[in-house]
Amino acid sequence: MDRLKRAQQIIIDSGLAAGSALLVGNGRELIFENYAGIARADGTLADNTTLWHMYSMTKALTVTAALILLQRGQLRLDAPVSDYIPEFGAGRICPTIKNLFTMTSGLTYFGGEETPAEQAFFREWKADIDRGAPWGTVKFAKKLAALPPAFEPGARFQYGLSHDVLGAVVEVISGNTLEYFCRRELFEPLEMRDSYWCQSVPLDSSDRLAECLDFLNRGQTPYSKNPCAIQPLPGRPVPGHPEIFDPLMFSGGAGLVATARDYGKFLDMLLRPEETGILTPETAALLTRPALTPAQRVTYNLPGADRCHFGPEYTYSLGMRVLERPDIDAAHGGLNEFGWSGALGTWFFVDPEDGVWFLYLHQHVPAEHARFIPELRRVFYEIIKRVD
């Protein structure tokens, strides 16, 4: 695996990240674990105690939480969201729970020029937080329901706030916060003792929290010898609004902080669900099963999007990209490989065909996955195919 370590170090030497974690597991044990570079501007090295901002890799936890409720008969894919959050039924075309899972709800990240109604939404939210009345996860979803959707639910795929609303549905059904539900149903049974939502990181662990770093002396190589500056973090749950931090908003789309080993335990469960009983194999298979209509698939594969997710070899399930065309030159994995990534450069896949999962983490804006993930994947699959 020395080739994989070298490929990881090249990412740092080329200036794409100051430090990183790379883990590979087979569902029962770690078969590769390596940390490189620094996690904090003071020179703290990245290691197995580092807490990483997962951002959109939170979505995998949220859809799993919702699948637990689906498995128990407490949630239906075809149910309108208004069955759980009535405000979504007030004078608008209501998305279904499946629309939330598949990002076809019309709930976006407000890209481009915001409408007056959207601007008022953010002003009201910030004002309420400032006066000590944060909205929290469910109230956020209720307020969001009053805004016109970007498109009619089901018409297309568009990345956005669907999984934040799905997290609110989990809260409504369970009667607890999304973080509490995940702790009881995922973190505790999987022994994920170093996983938190960002607002719940213990004070005595704050010095383990990775910072989003960029090299100060751009163009001076090797980058690994250069000092770093701290970059501002994107907003949670809305990337374009970092000024808003709601302490009661457990973002189902962006809030998770965890060590690499903890997230690996979650991936162990996704790879071999029969060994934990959290999801049945039949329920877990929904994460590998394409769920978009032909028209939605076209919008998922639009040119110009992150090639590591949205290329023609991929489609989307109930919350994961899925490798449907491993015959395309850019693909290296097995049929139905699935996974996702995060805004700071985090990325994972689970490959049921080859019996492995792969987790890479760094913290830098922009993430630029397409500049390093293809090479990491190529090196990794060359290694395991030679071993096989």
Foldseek 3Di string as FASTA:
>chain_A
DVVLVVLLVVCLQQFLFQKKWKWKDQLPDTPDIDIDGAQALVGHGDDQLAKEFFFQLLLVLLLLLLLLCVVVVNFDQAAFLCVQVVLLVPPAQTAGLLLLLQQQGLAALQPDDHDPLVVVLVVVQQVCVVVPRHQAQQSNLSSSSPDHGNDRRQQAHHDHQSSSSSQNSSCSSVVHHSFVSCCVLPCVLLVQVFKGFQLPHDPVSVVSYGFQWGFPDPPDPSSNPGRIDGDDAACPPRRPCVVDDGSRYRGSRGGMIGGPVSVVSVLSCLLPVVVRVSDDPVSSCQQLDADHDPSRLCNQQDPPPDCVARHPQWGGGSHWIFRCCCVDPLHQADHSWIWAGRQQQWTKIHGNVLSMIMTMDGGYPRNPCVVRVSVSSVVVSVVVVVVD
